[in-house]
Amino acid sequence: MIDWKGENGLQIGTFVVRDEHLLRATWLLVLLTTITSMTIHFLSGDARAIPFFISESD
């Protein structure tokens, strides 16, 4: 069972994921997604899209 109101973070059974680790994982996910997307644009030869890929995806 997942305890969403755990004292030190998210508690899944006997395992606790601390709030600091959840925040770090969230930032890493965004960072790695952005870097991967920019790398794919660069390697595909569409270098013009590197600085604009976020605004053009809207």
PDB file of N, CA and C in Angstrom:
ATOM      1  N   MET A   1       0.830  -1.180   0.000  1.00  0.00           N
ATOM      2  CA  MET A   1       0.000   0.000   0.000  1.00  0.00           C
ATOM      3  C   MET A   1       0.882   1.253   0.000  1.00  0.00           C
ATOM      4  N   ILE A   2       0.460   2.261  -0.681  1.00  0.00           N
ATOM      5  CA  ILE A   2       1.218   3.508  -0.752  1.00  0.00           C
ATOM      6  C   ILE A   2       0.645   4.504   0.252  1.00  0.00           C
ATOM      7  N   ASP A   3       1.515   5.033   1.095  1.00  0.00           N
ATOM      8  CA  ASP A   3       1.122   6.061   2.056  1.00  0.00           C
ATOM      9  C   ASP A   3       1.591   7.407   1.513  1.00  0.00           C
ATOM     10  N   TRP A   4       0.649   8.192   0.985  1.00  0.00           N
ATOM     11  CA  TRP A   4       0.976   9.472   0.371  1.00  0.00           C
ATOM     12  C   TRP A   4       1.323  10.536   1.407  1.00  0.00           C
ATOM     13  N   LYS A   5       0.977  10.292   2.664  1.00  0.00           N
ATOM     14  CA  LYS A   5       1.212  11.282   3.719  1.00  0.00           C
ATOM     15  C   LYS A   5       2.280  10.800   4.692  1.00  0.00           C
ATOM     16  N   GLY A   6       3.250  10.069   4.193  1.00  0.00           N
ATOM     17  CA  GLY A   6       4.331   9.582   5.043  1.00  0.00           C
ATOM     18  C   GLY A   6       5.090  10.733   5.685  1.00  0.00           C
ATOM     19  N   GLU A   7       5.601  10.501   6.871  1.00  0.00           N
ATOM     20  CA  GLU A   7       6.269  11.568   7.618  1.00  0.00           C
ATOM     21  C   GLU A   7       7.536  12.057   6.924  1.00  0.00           C
ATOM     22  N   ASN A   8       8.299  11.155   6.334  1.00  0.00           N
ATOM     23  CA  ASN A   8       9.569  11.525   5.705  1.00  0.00           C
ATOM     24  C   ASN A   8       9.524  11.462   4.189  1.00  0.00           C
ATOM     25  N   GLY A   9       8.371  11.224   3.624  1.00  0.00           N
ATOM     26  CA  GLY A   9       8.254  11.118   2.179  1.00  0.00           C
ATOM     27  C   GLY A   9       7.194  10.106   1.801  1.00  0.00           C
ATOM     28  N   LEU A  10       7.315   9.561   0.634  1.00  0.00           N
ATOM     29  CA  LEU A  10       6.367   8.585   0.106  1.00  0.00           C
ATOM     30  C   LEU A  10       6.721   7.207   0.641  1.00  0.00           C
ATOM     31  N   GLN A  11       5.769   6.556   1.294  1.00  0.00           N
ATOM     32  CA  GLN A  11       6.032   5.244   1.875  1.00  0.00           C
ATOM     33  C   GLN A  11       5.286   4.182   1.078  1.00  0.00           C
ATOM     34  N   ILE A  12       6.047   3.213   0.565  1.00  0.00           N
ATOM     35  CA  ILE A  12       5.496   2.094  -0.199  1.00  0.00           C
ATOM     36  C   ILE A  12       5.826   0.832   0.580  1.00  0.00           C
ATOM     37  N   GLY A  13       4.852   0.320   1.305  1.00  0.00           N
ATOM     38  CA  GLY A  13       5.095  -0.821   2.183  1.00  0.00           C
ATOM     39  C   GLY A  13       6.066  -0.429   3.274  1.00  0.00           C
ATOM     40  N   THR A  14       7.195  -1.116   3.345  1.00  0.00           N
ATOM     41  CA  THR A  14       8.212  -0.776   4.341  1.00  0.00           C
ATOM     42  C   THR A  14       9.294   0.125   3.769  1.00  0.00           C
ATOM     43  N   PHE A  15       9.216   0.439   2.481  1.00  0.00           N
ATOM     44  CA  PHE A  15      10.224   1.256   1.808  1.00  0.00           C
ATOM     45  C   PHE A  15       9.773   2.712   1.795  1.00  0.00           C
ATOM     46  N   VAL A  16      10.671   3.639   2.142  1.00  0.00           N
ATOM     47  CA  VAL A  16      10.356   5.068   2.162  1.00  0.00           C
ATOM     48  C   VAL A  16      11.219   5.786   1.132  1.00  0.00           C
ATOM     49  N   VAL A  17      10.568   6.549   0.255  1.00  0.00           N
ATOM     50  CA  VAL A  17      11.279   7.403  -0.702  1.00  0.00           C
ATOM     51  C   VAL A  17      11.216   8.818  -0.144  1.00  0.00           C
ATOM     52  N   ARG A  18      12.363   9.335   0.249  1.00  0.00           N
ATOM     53  CA  ARG A  18      12.400  10.655   0.869  1.00  0.00           C
ATOM     54  C   ARG A  18      12.022  11.745  -0.123  1.00  0.00           C
ATOM     55  N   ASP A  19      11.469  12.830   0.411  1.00  0.00           N
ATOM     56  CA  ASP A  19      11.052  13.955  -0.427  1.00  0.00           C
ATOM     57  C   ASP A  19      12.207  14.509  -1.253  1.00  0.00           C
ATOM     58  N   GLU A  20      13.393  14.565  -0.658  1.00  0.00           N
ATOM     59  CA  GLU A  20      14.554  15.088  -1.374  1.00  0.00           C
ATOM     60  C   GLU A  20      14.884  14.234  -2.592  1.00  0.00           C
ATOM     61  N   HIS A  21      14.730  12.933  -2.456  1.00  0.00           N
ATOM     62  CA  HIS A  21      15.004  12.039  -3.586  1.00  0.00           C
ATOM     63  C   HIS A  21      13.945  12.186  -4.680  1.00  0.00           C
ATOM     64  N   LEU A  22      12.697  12.409  -4.287  1.00  0.00           N
ATOM     65  CA  LEU A  22      11.645  12.634  -5.283  1.00  0.00           C
ATOM     66  C   LEU A  22      11.905  13.919  -6.066  1.00  0.00           C
ATOM     67  N   LEU A  23      12.302  14.977  -5.363  1.00  0.00           N
ATOM     68  CA  LEU A  23      12.604  16.240  -6.042  1.00  0.00           C
ATOM     69  C   LEU A  23      13.796  16.096  -6.982  1.00  0.00           C
ATOM     70  N   ARG A  24      14.841  15.427  -6.517  1.00  0.00           N
ATOM     71  CA  ARG A  24      16.027  15.228  -7.353  1.00  0.00           C
ATOM     72  C   ARG A  24      15.676  14.398  -8.591  1.00  0.00           C
ATOM     73  N   ALA A  25      14.873  13.370  -8.423  1.00  0.00           N
ATOM     74  CA  ALA A  25      14.480  12.526  -9.555  1.00  0.00           C
ATOM     75  C   ALA A  25      13.659  13.321 -10.566  1.00  0.00           C
ATOM     76  N   THR A  26      12.802  14.215 -10.083  1.00  0.00           N
ATOM     77  CA  THR A  26      11.992  15.040 -10.978  1.00  0.00           C
ATOM     78  C   THR A  26      12.872  15.969 -11.808  1.00  0.00           C
ATOM     79  N   TRP A  27      13.828  16.638 -11.162  1.00  0.00           N
ATOM     80  CA  TRP A  27      14.734  17.521 -11.889  1.00  0.00           C
ATOM     81  C   TRP A  27      15.591  16.747 -12.878  1.00  0.00           C
ATOM     82  N   LEU A  28      16.062  15.575 -12.485  1.00  0.00           N
ATOM     83  CA  LEU A  28      16.875  14.766 -13.395  1.00  0.00           C
ATOM     84  C   LEU A  28      16.071  14.307 -14.601  1.00  0.00           C
ATOM     85  N   LEU A  29      14.804  13.961 -14.395  1.00  0.00           N
ATOM     86  CA  LEU A  29      13.956  13.540 -15.512  1.00  0.00           C
ATOM     87  C   LEU A  29      13.809  14.667 -16.532  1.00  0.00           C
ATOM     88  N   VAL A  30      13.537  15.868 -16.059  1.00  0.00           N
ATOM     89  CA  VAL A  30      13.396  17.016 -16.962  1.00  0.00           C
ATOM     90  C   VAL A  30      14.719  17.318 -17.664  1.00  0.00           C
ATOM     91  N   LEU A  31      15.810  17.298 -16.913  1.00  0.00           N
ATOM     92  CA  LEU A  31      17.128  17.577 -17.491  1.00  0.00           C
ATOM     93  C   LEU A  31      17.498  16.562 -18.563  1.00  0.00           C
ATOM     94  N   LEU A  32      17.337  15.290 -18.256  1.00  0.00           N
ATOM     95  CA  LEU A  32      17.705  14.249 -19.219  1.00  0.00           C
ATOM     96  C   LEU A  32      16.796  14.259 -20.445  1.00  0.00           C
ATOM     97  N   THR A  33      15.518  14.568 -20.260  1.00  0.00           N
ATOM     98  CA  THR A  33      14.604  14.662 -21.398  1.00  0.00           C
ATOM     99  C   THR A  33      15.019  15.797 -22.328  1.00  0.00           C
ATOM    100  N   THR A  34      15.363  16.938 -21.753  1.00  0.00           N
ATOM    101  CA  THR A  34      15.783  18.084 -22.562  1.00  0.00           C
ATOM    102  C   THR A  34      17.088  17.798 -23.298  1.00  0.00           C
ATOM    103  N   ILE A  35      18.057  17.244 -22.598  1.00  0.00           N
ATOM    104  CA  ILE A  35      19.344  16.931 -23.231  1.00  0.00           C
ATOM    105  C   ILE A  35      19.169  15.889 -24.329  1.00  0.00           C
ATOM    106  N   THR A  36      18.368  14.872 -24.082  1.00  0.00           N
ATOM    107  CA  THR A  36      18.130  13.836 -25.095  1.00  0.00           C
ATOM    108  C   THR A  36      17.442  14.421 -26.323  1.00  0.00           C
ATOM    109  N   SER A  37      16.442  15.265 -26.113  1.00  0.00           N
ATOM    110  CA  SER A  37      15.735  15.880 -27.244  1.00  0.00           C
ATOM    111  C   SER A  37      16.663  16.758 -28.069  1.00  0.00           C
ATOM    112  N   MET A  38      17.486  17.548 -27.397  1.00  0.00           N
ATOM    113  CA  MET A  38      18.420  18.407 -28.123  1.00  0.00           C
ATOM    114  C   MET A  38      19.461  17.584 -28.872  1.00  0.00           C
ATOM    115  N   THR A  39      19.911  16.480 -28.285  1.00  0.00           N
ATOM    116  CA  THR A  39      20.883  15.610 -28.950  1.00  0.00           C
ATOM    117  C   THR A  39      20.277  14.968 -30.190  1.00  0.00           C
ATOM    118  N   ILE A  40      19.044  14.509 -30.093  1.00  0.00           N
ATOM    119  CA  ILE A  40      18.370  13.901 -31.249  1.00  0.00           C
ATOM    120  C   ILE A  40      18.237  14.919 -32.374  1.00  0.00           C
ATOM    121  N   HIS A  41      17.844  16.159 -32.047  1.00  0.00           N
ATOM    122  CA  HIS A  41      17.736  17.193 -33.073  1.00  0.00           C
ATOM    123  C   HIS A  41      19.095  17.472 -33.710  1.00  0.00           C
ATOM    124  N   PHE A  42      20.129  17.528 -32.905  1.00  0.00           N
ATOM    125  CA  PHE A  42      21.469  17.802 -33.428  1.00  0.00           C
ATOM    126  C   PHE A  42      21.948  16.679 -34.333  1.00  0.00           C
ATOM    127  N   LEU A  43      21.779  15.430 -33.901  1.00  0.00           N
ATOM    128  CA  LEU A  43      22.266  14.287 -34.678  1.00  0.00           C
ATOM    129  C   LEU A  43      21.447  14.043 -35.945  1.00  0.00           C
ATOM    130  N   SER A  44      20.191  14.489 -35.954  1.00  0.00           N
ATOM    131  CA  SER A  44      19.364  14.288 -37.142  1.00  0.00           C
ATOM    132  C   SER A  44      19.648  15.332 -38.219  1.00  0.00           C
ATOM    133  N   GLY A  45      20.500  16.293 -37.906  1.00  0.00           N
ATOM    134  CA  GLY A  45      20.848  17.306 -38.896  1.00  0.00           C
ATOM    135  C   GLY A  45      19.943  18.515 -38.858  1.00  0.00           C
ATOM    136  N   ASP A  46      19.013  18.547 -37.945  1.00  0.00           N
ATOM    137  CA  ASP A  46      18.101  19.678 -37.824  1.00  0.00           C
ATOM    138  C   ASP A  46      18.608  20.605 -36.724  1.00  0.00           C
ATOM    139  N   ALA A  47      19.832  21.098 -36.907  1.00  0.00           N
ATOM    140  CA  ALA A  47      20.474  21.902 -35.864  1.00  0.00           C
ATOM    141  C   ALA A  47      19.739  23.209 -35.599  1.00  0.00           C
ATOM    142  N   ARG A  48      18.980  23.699 -36.571  1.00  0.00           N
ATOM    143  CA  ARG A  48      18.235  24.940 -36.375  1.00  0.00           C
ATOM    144  C   ARG A  48      17.222  24.795 -35.251  1.00  0.00           C
ATOM    145  N   ALA A  49      16.726  23.578 -35.038  1.00  0.00           N
ATOM    146  CA  ALA A  49      15.673  23.359 -34.051  1.00  0.00           C
ATOM    147  C   ALA A  49      16.197  23.289 -32.623  1.00  0.00           C
ATOM    148  N   ILE A  50      17.512  23.221 -32.447  1.00  0.00           N
ATOM    149  CA  ILE A  50      18.041  23.039 -31.081  1.00  0.00           C
ATOM    150  C   ILE A  50      17.584  24.135 -30.126  1.00  0.00           C
ATOM    151  N   PRO A  51      17.747  25.423 -30.437  1.00  0.00           N
ATOM    152  CA  PRO A  51      17.319  26.406 -29.436  1.00  0.00           C
ATOM    153  C   PRO A  51      15.809  26.607 -29.384  1.00  0.00           C
ATOM    154  N   PHE A  52      15.081  26.101 -30.373  1.00  0.00           N
ATOM    155  CA  PHE A  52      13.658  26.410 -30.469  1.00  0.00           C
ATOM    156  C   PHE A  52      12.742  25.210 -30.298  1.00  0.00           C
ATOM    157  N   PHE A  53      13.291  24.026 -30.035  1.00  0.00           N
ATOM    158  CA  PHE A  53      12.447  22.840 -30.082  1.00  0.00           C
ATOM    159  C   PHE A  53      11.342  22.866 -29.038  1.00  0.00           C
ATOM    160  N   ILE A  54      11.549  23.534 -27.919  1.00  0.00           N
ATOM    161  CA  ILE A  54      10.508  23.571 -26.891  1.00  0.00           C
ATOM    162  C   ILE A  54       9.354  24.448 -27.359  1.00  0.00           C
ATOM    163  N   SER A  55       9.633  25.646 -27.870  1.00  0.00           N
ATOM    164  CA  SER A  55       8.561  26.543 -28.280  1.00  0.00           C
ATOM    165  C   SER A  55       7.846  26.029 -29.524  1.00  0.00           C
ATOM    166  N   GLU A  56       8.537  25.321 -30.400  1.00  0.00           N
ATOM    167  CA  GLU A  56       7.901  24.823 -31.609  1.00  0.00           C
ATOM    168  C   GLU A  56       7.040  23.594 -31.356  1.00  0.00           C
ATOM    169  N   SER A  57       7.203  22.958 -30.207  1.00  0.00           N
ATOM    170  CA  SER A  57       6.403  21.765 -29.932  1.00  0.00           C
ATOM    171  C   SER A  57       5.024  22.119 -29.397  1.00  0.00           C
ATOM    172  N   ASP A  58       4.794  23.388 -29.065  1.00  0.00           N
ATOM    173  CA  ASP A  58       3.487  23.798 -28.518  1.00  0.00           C
ATOM    174  C   ASP A  58       2.420  23.813 -29.578  1.00  0.00           C
TER     175      ASP A  58
END
